[in-house]
Amino acid sequence: MKKSLLTLVLLIITISVNSQSIFGKWNSTNEETGEVDSVIEVYKKQGKAFAKIIDIKNPERKNAVCDLCEDENKNKPILGLNILTGLEKDGEEWSGGNILDPRNGKVYKCYIELVKKDKLKIRGYIGLALFGKTAYWKRAN
């Protein structure tokens, strides 16, 4: 009986911890309209966090390219584009990488943090984190 109870408690804890992860699909919202404009998938590769755009909600933008990008992403399709690269876990947040804003083609340093199980905080900045912008993504179903 005690072994069964202990096993059940450990199983519940494991499920609870695993469901509280930055990894998965997230809805990105347009600041001007408040509407979900894309779905981003955050995934782990070689111990680091990355993210790519896996869906664009506006049918007219599905074939859009990153024409404002200045690096290897210049004129690449936005759909499938890696926008978050090389973040490493540091306590409760993931930092040390970059985020690309395909709307303006600029790359920023960034960190991300899970603030609730279904809410992800993304802070992009230049220089110090004090000089930047914060966005929140909600977990996609």
N, C-alpha and C. Protein backbone atom coordinates (compact mmCIF):
# COMPACT_ATOMS: atom_id res chain seq x y z
N MET A 1 0.83 -1.19 0.00
CA MET A 1 0.00 0.00 0.00
C MET A 1 0.87 1.25 0.00
N LYS A 2 1.91 1.27 0.86
CA LYS A 2 2.79 2.43 0.94
C LYS A 2 3.57 2.61 -0.36
N LYS A 3 4.00 1.50 -0.97
CA LYS A 3 4.72 1.58 -2.24
C LYS A 3 3.82 2.15 -3.33
N SER A 4 2.58 1.72 -3.36
CA SER A 4 1.63 2.22 -4.37
C SER A 4 1.38 3.70 -4.20
N LEU A 5 1.21 4.13 -2.96
CA LEU A 5 0.97 5.55 -2.68
C LEU A 5 2.19 6.38 -3.05
N LEU A 6 3.37 5.90 -2.70
CA LEU A 6 4.61 6.61 -3.02
C LEU A 6 4.79 6.69 -4.54
N THR A 7 4.52 5.61 -5.24
CA THR A 7 4.63 5.58 -6.70
C THR A 7 3.66 6.58 -7.32
N LEU A 8 2.44 6.64 -6.83
CA LEU A 8 1.45 7.57 -7.33
C LEU A 8 1.88 9.01 -7.10
N VAL A 9 2.38 9.33 -5.92
CA VAL A 9 2.85 10.68 -5.61
C VAL A 9 4.00 11.07 -6.53
N LEU A 10 4.96 10.18 -6.73
CA LEU A 10 6.09 10.46 -7.61
C LEU A 10 5.63 10.66 -9.06
N LEU A 11 4.67 9.88 -9.49
CA LEU A 11 4.13 10.02 -10.84
C LEU A 11 3.46 11.38 -11.02
N ILE A 12 2.67 11.79 -10.05
CA ILE A 12 2.00 13.09 -10.11
C ILE A 12 3.01 14.24 -10.13
N ILE A 13 4.04 14.14 -9.31
CA ILE A 13 5.09 15.17 -9.28
C ILE A 13 5.81 15.23 -10.62
N THR A 14 6.14 14.07 -11.18
CA THR A 14 6.83 14.03 -12.47
C THR A 14 5.98 14.66 -13.57
N ILE A 15 4.71 14.32 -13.63
CA ILE A 15 3.81 14.90 -14.63
C ILE A 15 3.69 16.40 -14.43
N SER A 16 3.56 16.83 -13.20
CA SER A 16 3.43 18.25 -12.88
C SER A 16 4.66 19.03 -13.30
N VAL A 17 5.84 18.50 -13.00
CA VAL A 17 7.09 19.19 -13.36
C VAL A 17 7.26 19.23 -14.88
N ASN A 18 6.97 18.13 -15.56
CA ASN A 18 7.13 18.09 -17.01
C ASN A 18 6.14 18.98 -17.73
N SER A 19 4.96 19.22 -17.17
CA SER A 19 3.98 20.07 -17.82
C SER A 19 4.34 21.54 -17.65
N GLN A 20 5.27 21.84 -16.75
CA GLN A 20 5.69 23.21 -16.53
C GLN A 20 7.02 23.44 -17.23
N SER A 21 6.98 23.44 -18.54
CA SER A 21 8.17 23.55 -19.35
C SER A 21 7.99 24.66 -20.38
N ILE A 22 9.11 25.25 -20.80
CA ILE A 22 9.05 26.26 -21.85
C ILE A 22 8.82 25.61 -23.21
N PHE A 23 9.05 24.30 -23.28
CA PHE A 23 8.99 23.62 -24.57
C PHE A 23 7.55 23.31 -24.97
N GLY A 24 7.30 23.45 -26.25
CA GLY A 24 5.98 23.21 -26.79
C GLY A 24 5.58 24.32 -27.74
N LYS A 25 4.28 24.39 -28.01
CA LYS A 25 3.75 25.36 -28.97
C LYS A 25 3.14 26.55 -28.24
N TRP A 26 3.44 27.75 -28.75
CA TRP A 26 3.02 29.00 -28.11
C TRP A 26 2.39 29.94 -29.14
N ASN A 27 1.35 30.64 -28.72
CA ASN A 27 0.71 31.64 -29.56
C ASN A 27 1.38 32.99 -29.36
N SER A 28 1.78 33.61 -30.46
CA SER A 28 2.34 34.96 -30.44
C SER A 28 1.23 35.91 -30.89
N THR A 29 1.04 36.98 -30.13
CA THR A 29 -0.05 37.92 -30.38
C THR A 29 0.46 39.21 -30.99
N ASN A 30 -0.27 39.72 -31.96
CA ASN A 30 0.03 41.02 -32.56
C ASN A 30 -0.29 42.10 -31.54
N GLU A 31 0.67 42.96 -31.22
CA GLU A 31 0.48 44.00 -30.21
C GLU A 31 -0.61 44.99 -30.57
N GLU A 32 -0.74 45.29 -31.86
CA GLU A 32 -1.71 46.29 -32.29
C GLU A 32 -3.15 45.77 -32.27
N THR A 33 -3.34 44.52 -32.71
CA THR A 33 -4.70 43.99 -32.83
C THR A 33 -5.12 43.12 -31.64
N GLY A 34 -4.13 42.57 -30.92
CA GLY A 34 -4.44 41.66 -29.83
C GLY A 34 -4.79 40.26 -30.31
N GLU A 35 -4.71 40.04 -31.62
CA GLU A 35 -5.04 38.74 -32.20
C GLU A 35 -3.79 37.86 -32.29
N VAL A 36 -3.99 36.56 -32.20
CA VAL A 36 -2.89 35.62 -32.40
C VAL A 36 -2.49 35.70 -33.87
N ASP A 37 -1.20 35.99 -34.12
CA ASP A 37 -0.77 36.09 -35.51
C ASP A 37 0.12 34.93 -35.95
N SER A 38 0.70 34.21 -34.98
CA SER A 38 1.52 33.06 -35.35
C SER A 38 1.63 32.08 -34.19
N VAL A 39 2.05 30.87 -34.53
CA VAL A 39 2.30 29.84 -33.53
C VAL A 39 3.79 29.53 -33.60
N ILE A 40 4.43 29.55 -32.43
CA ILE A 40 5.86 29.33 -32.31
C ILE A 40 6.08 28.01 -31.57
N GLU A 41 7.00 27.20 -32.07
CA GLU A 41 7.35 25.98 -31.36
C GLU A 41 8.72 26.15 -30.71
N VAL A 42 8.77 26.04 -29.39
CA VAL A 42 10.02 26.09 -28.65
C VAL A 42 10.47 24.65 -28.44
N TYR A 43 11.69 24.37 -28.85
CA TYR A 43 12.20 23.00 -28.76
C TYR A 43 13.63 23.00 -28.22
N LYS A 44 14.05 21.83 -27.79
CA LYS A 44 15.38 21.66 -27.21
C LYS A 44 16.28 20.92 -28.19
N LYS A 45 17.49 21.43 -28.36
CA LYS A 45 18.46 20.79 -29.23
C LYS A 45 19.83 20.93 -28.59
N GLN A 46 20.47 19.82 -28.32
CA GLN A 46 21.79 19.79 -27.70
C GLN A 46 21.83 20.61 -26.40
N GLY A 47 20.75 20.50 -25.61
CA GLY A 47 20.68 21.14 -24.30
C GLY A 47 20.32 22.61 -24.33
N LYS A 48 20.07 23.16 -25.52
CA LYS A 48 19.73 24.58 -25.64
C LYS A 48 18.32 24.73 -26.19
N ALA A 49 17.73 25.90 -25.93
CA ALA A 49 16.37 26.18 -26.41
C ALA A 49 16.42 26.95 -27.72
N PHE A 50 15.56 26.55 -28.63
CA PHE A 50 15.40 27.19 -29.93
C PHE A 50 13.90 27.33 -30.18
N ALA A 51 13.53 28.17 -31.14
CA ALA A 51 12.12 28.29 -31.50
C ALA A 51 11.99 28.65 -32.97
N LYS A 52 10.93 28.13 -33.58
CA LYS A 52 10.65 28.44 -34.98
C LYS A 52 9.17 28.70 -35.15
N ILE A 53 8.86 29.45 -36.19
CA ILE A 53 7.47 29.76 -36.51
C ILE A 53 6.89 28.57 -37.27
N ILE A 54 5.81 27.99 -36.73
CA ILE A 54 5.23 26.81 -37.38
C ILE A 54 3.86 27.08 -38.00
N ASP A 55 3.30 28.25 -37.71
CA ASP A 55 2.02 28.61 -38.34
C ASP A 55 1.87 30.12 -38.35
N ILE A 56 1.36 30.63 -39.46
CA ILE A 56 1.03 32.04 -39.60
C ILE A 56 -0.46 32.10 -39.84
N LYS A 57 -1.17 32.83 -38.99
CA LYS A 57 -2.63 32.83 -39.04
C LYS A 57 -3.21 33.61 -40.23
N ASN A 58 -2.55 34.68 -40.64
CA ASN A 58 -3.04 35.48 -41.76
C ASN A 58 -2.69 34.77 -43.08
N PRO A 59 -3.71 34.31 -43.83
CA PRO A 59 -3.45 33.57 -45.07
C PRO A 59 -2.61 34.38 -46.07
N GLU A 60 -2.73 35.68 -46.04
CA GLU A 60 -1.99 36.53 -46.97
C GLU A 60 -0.50 36.61 -46.62
N ARG A 61 -0.13 36.21 -45.40
CA ARG A 61 1.27 36.28 -44.95
C ARG A 61 1.95 34.92 -44.92
N LYS A 62 1.23 33.85 -45.27
CA LYS A 62 1.80 32.50 -45.19
C LYS A 62 3.06 32.34 -46.05
N ASN A 63 3.15 33.06 -47.15
CA ASN A 63 4.32 32.95 -48.03
C ASN A 63 5.28 34.13 -47.88
N ALA A 64 5.10 34.93 -46.83
CA ALA A 64 5.96 36.10 -46.62
C ALA A 64 7.40 35.66 -46.36
N VAL A 65 8.33 36.52 -46.76
CA VAL A 65 9.75 36.28 -46.51
C VAL A 65 10.28 37.38 -45.60
N CYS A 66 11.40 37.09 -44.97
CA CYS A 66 12.03 38.06 -44.07
C CYS A 66 12.89 39.00 -44.90
N ASP A 67 12.24 39.91 -45.63
CA ASP A 67 12.97 40.82 -46.50
C ASP A 67 13.74 41.89 -45.74
N LEU A 68 13.40 42.12 -44.47
CA LEU A 68 14.12 43.10 -43.66
C LEU A 68 15.31 42.49 -42.90
N CYS A 69 15.45 41.18 -42.94
CA CYS A 69 16.59 40.53 -42.30
C CYS A 69 17.87 40.90 -43.04
N GLU A 70 18.97 40.96 -42.28
CA GLU A 70 20.25 41.36 -42.88
C GLU A 70 21.28 40.25 -42.90
N ASP A 71 20.97 39.10 -42.32
CA ASP A 71 21.96 38.04 -42.24
C ASP A 71 21.55 36.87 -43.13
N GLU A 72 21.88 35.66 -42.72
CA GLU A 72 21.55 34.48 -43.52
C GLU A 72 20.05 34.26 -43.67
N ASN A 73 19.25 34.97 -42.88
CA ASN A 73 17.80 34.84 -42.98
C ASN A 73 17.17 35.76 -44.02
N LYS A 74 17.98 36.59 -44.66
CA LYS A 74 17.49 37.52 -45.69
C LYS A 74 16.72 36.75 -46.75
N ASN A 75 15.48 37.17 -46.96
CA ASN A 75 14.56 36.61 -47.97
C ASN A 75 14.18 35.15 -47.75
N LYS A 76 14.41 34.62 -46.55
CA LYS A 76 13.93 33.27 -46.22
C LYS A 76 12.46 33.35 -45.85
N PRO A 77 11.71 32.29 -46.10
CA PRO A 77 10.30 32.28 -45.68
C PRO A 77 10.18 32.43 -44.17
N ILE A 78 9.24 33.24 -43.73
CA ILE A 78 9.03 33.43 -42.29
C ILE A 78 8.46 32.14 -41.68
N LEU A 79 7.59 31.47 -42.41
CA LEU A 79 7.05 30.20 -41.94
C LEU A 79 8.19 29.18 -41.92
N GLY A 80 8.49 28.66 -40.75
CA GLY A 80 9.59 27.71 -40.58
C GLY A 80 10.89 28.36 -40.12
N LEU A 81 10.90 29.69 -40.04
CA LEU A 81 12.10 30.43 -39.65
C LEU A 81 12.42 30.24 -38.18
N ASN A 82 13.69 29.96 -37.89
CA ASN A 82 14.14 29.90 -36.50
C ASN A 82 14.30 31.33 -36.00
N ILE A 83 13.53 31.68 -34.96
CA ILE A 83 13.58 33.05 -34.45
C ILE A 83 14.25 33.14 -33.09
N LEU A 84 14.43 32.02 -32.44
CA LEU A 84 15.04 31.99 -31.11
C LEU A 84 16.17 30.98 -31.17
N THR A 85 17.38 31.41 -30.79
CA THR A 85 18.52 30.51 -30.94
C THR A 85 19.42 30.51 -29.71
N GLY A 86 19.85 29.32 -29.32
CA GLY A 86 20.93 29.11 -28.38
C GLY A 86 20.75 29.55 -26.95
N LEU A 87 19.54 29.47 -26.41
CA LEU A 87 19.33 29.84 -25.01
C LEU A 87 19.71 28.67 -24.11
N GLU A 88 20.38 28.98 -23.01
CA GLU A 88 20.76 27.96 -22.04
C GLU A 88 20.06 28.20 -20.72
N LYS A 89 19.73 27.13 -20.04
CA LYS A 89 19.03 27.23 -18.76
C LYS A 89 19.93 27.86 -17.72
N ASP A 90 19.38 28.86 -17.03
CA ASP A 90 20.09 29.57 -15.96
C ASP A 90 19.09 29.81 -14.84
N GLY A 91 19.00 28.87 -13.91
CA GLY A 91 18.01 28.96 -12.85
C GLY A 91 16.61 28.76 -13.42
N GLU A 92 15.75 29.74 -13.21
CA GLU A 92 14.36 29.66 -13.69
C GLU A 92 14.19 30.20 -15.11
N GLU A 93 15.23 30.82 -15.67
CA GLU A 93 15.10 31.38 -17.00
C GLU A 93 16.08 30.74 -17.97
N TRP A 94 15.85 30.98 -19.25
CA TRP A 94 16.74 30.54 -20.31
C TRP A 94 17.31 31.81 -20.94
N SER A 95 18.63 31.91 -21.03
CA SER A 95 19.25 33.14 -21.52
C SER A 95 20.51 32.82 -22.31
N GLY A 96 21.16 33.89 -22.80
CA GLY A 96 22.41 33.73 -23.51
C GLY A 96 22.26 33.53 -25.00
N GLY A 97 21.05 33.67 -25.51
CA GLY A 97 20.83 33.49 -26.94
C GLY A 97 20.26 34.74 -27.56
N ASN A 98 19.69 34.56 -28.73
CA ASN A 98 19.14 35.69 -29.49
C ASN A 98 17.73 35.40 -29.96
N ILE A 99 17.01 36.48 -30.25
CA ILE A 99 15.69 36.37 -30.85
C ILE A 99 15.64 37.30 -32.05
N LEU A 100 15.05 36.80 -33.12
CA LEU A 100 14.88 37.56 -34.36
C LEU A 100 13.43 38.03 -34.43
N ASP A 101 13.25 39.31 -34.69
CA ASP A 101 11.91 39.84 -34.92
C ASP A 101 11.73 39.96 -36.44
N PRO A 102 10.97 39.04 -37.05
CA PRO A 102 10.83 39.07 -38.51
C PRO A 102 10.06 40.30 -39.01
N ARG A 103 9.38 41.00 -38.10
CA ARG A 103 8.64 42.21 -38.52
C ARG A 103 9.59 43.35 -38.89
N ASN A 104 10.78 43.38 -38.23
CA ASN A 104 11.73 44.44 -38.54
C ASN A 104 13.10 43.91 -38.94
N GLY A 105 13.30 42.59 -38.89
CA GLY A 105 14.55 41.98 -39.31
C GLY A 105 15.69 42.10 -38.30
N LYS A 106 15.41 42.63 -37.13
CA LYS A 106 16.47 42.86 -36.15
C LYS A 106 16.62 41.66 -35.21
N VAL A 107 17.86 41.47 -34.75
CA VAL A 107 18.19 40.40 -33.82
C VAL A 107 18.55 41.04 -32.48
N TYR A 108 17.97 40.49 -31.41
CA TYR A 108 18.18 41.02 -30.07
C TYR A 108 18.69 39.91 -29.16
N LYS A 109 19.43 40.27 -28.13
CA LYS A 109 19.71 39.33 -27.05
C LYS A 109 18.38 39.07 -26.37
N CYS A 110 18.25 37.95 -25.71
CA CYS A 110 16.97 37.70 -25.06
C CYS A 110 17.09 36.70 -23.93
N TYR A 111 16.04 36.69 -23.14
CA TYR A 111 15.86 35.61 -22.17
C TYR A 111 14.38 35.29 -22.14
N ILE A 112 14.06 34.07 -21.77
CA ILE A 112 12.67 33.66 -21.64
C ILE A 112 12.49 32.99 -20.29
N GLU A 113 11.28 33.10 -19.80
CA GLU A 113 10.97 32.54 -18.48
C GLU A 113 9.51 32.13 -18.45
N LEU A 114 9.27 30.96 -17.92
CA LEU A 114 7.91 30.47 -17.75
C LEU A 114 7.34 31.14 -16.50
N VAL A 115 6.33 32.01 -16.69
CA VAL A 115 5.76 32.71 -15.54
C VAL A 115 4.53 31.99 -14.99
N LYS A 116 3.87 31.24 -15.82
CA LYS A 116 2.78 30.33 -15.45
C LYS A 116 2.91 29.14 -16.38
N LYS A 117 2.23 28.05 -16.08
CA LYS A 117 2.38 26.87 -16.93
C LYS A 117 1.93 27.12 -18.36
N ASP A 118 1.11 28.15 -18.58
CA ASP A 118 0.63 28.46 -19.93
C ASP A 118 0.98 29.87 -20.38
N LYS A 119 1.99 30.49 -19.74
CA LYS A 119 2.39 31.85 -20.09
C LYS A 119 3.91 31.97 -20.07
N LEU A 120 4.48 32.39 -21.20
CA LEU A 120 5.92 32.50 -21.36
C LEU A 120 6.29 33.97 -21.56
N LYS A 121 7.24 34.42 -20.77
CA LYS A 121 7.73 35.80 -20.87
C LYS A 121 8.98 35.79 -21.75
N ILE A 122 8.99 36.67 -22.76
CA ILE A 122 10.13 36.80 -23.65
C ILE A 122 10.61 38.24 -23.56
N ARG A 123 11.87 38.43 -23.22
CA ARG A 123 12.44 39.77 -23.10
C ARG A 123 13.57 39.90 -24.11
N GLY A 124 13.38 40.77 -25.11
CA GLY A 124 14.41 41.05 -26.09
C GLY A 124 15.03 42.40 -25.78
N TYR A 125 16.35 42.51 -25.95
CA TYR A 125 17.01 43.75 -25.58
C TYR A 125 18.32 43.93 -26.34
N ILE A 126 18.79 45.17 -26.30
CA ILE A 126 20.10 45.52 -26.85
C ILE A 126 20.95 45.98 -25.67
N GLY A 127 22.12 45.41 -25.51
CA GLY A 127 22.98 45.80 -24.40
C GLY A 127 22.49 45.21 -23.09
N LEU A 128 21.82 46.03 -22.28
CA LEU A 128 21.30 45.59 -20.99
C LEU A 128 19.82 45.24 -21.11
N ALA A 129 19.39 44.28 -20.32
CA ALA A 129 17.98 43.85 -20.35
C ALA A 129 17.04 44.99 -19.97
N LEU A 130 17.59 46.00 -19.30
CA LEU A 130 16.80 47.17 -18.92
C LEU A 130 16.27 47.89 -20.16
N PHE A 131 17.04 47.86 -21.24
CA PHE A 131 16.67 48.55 -22.48
C PHE A 131 16.13 47.54 -23.48
N GLY A 132 14.87 47.21 -23.33
CA GLY A 132 14.30 46.21 -24.22
C GLY A 132 12.79 46.22 -24.20
N LYS A 133 12.26 45.12 -24.65
CA LYS A 133 10.82 44.98 -24.81
C LYS A 133 10.42 43.58 -24.36
N THR A 134 9.30 43.50 -23.68
CA THR A 134 8.80 42.22 -23.19
C THR A 134 7.53 41.84 -23.93
N ALA A 135 7.44 40.59 -24.29
CA ALA A 135 6.22 40.03 -24.88
C ALA A 135 5.85 38.79 -24.08
N TYR A 136 4.59 38.44 -24.15
CA TYR A 136 4.12 37.22 -23.48
C TYR A 136 3.44 36.33 -24.52
N TRP A 137 3.79 35.07 -24.51
CA TRP A 137 3.17 34.09 -25.37
C TRP A 137 2.32 33.19 -24.50
N LYS A 138 1.16 32.80 -25.03
CA LYS A 138 0.29 31.86 -24.33
C LYS A 138 0.41 30.50 -25.00
N ARG A 139 0.37 29.47 -24.16
CA ARG A 139 0.51 28.11 -24.70
C ARG A 139 -0.63 27.79 -25.66
N ALA A 140 -0.26 27.23 -26.80
CA ALA A 140 -1.24 26.83 -27.81
C ALA A 140 -1.83 25.48 -27.44
N ASN A 141 -3.05 25.24 -27.83
CA ASN A 141 -3.70 23.96 -27.55
C ASN A 141 -3.28 22.90 -28.53
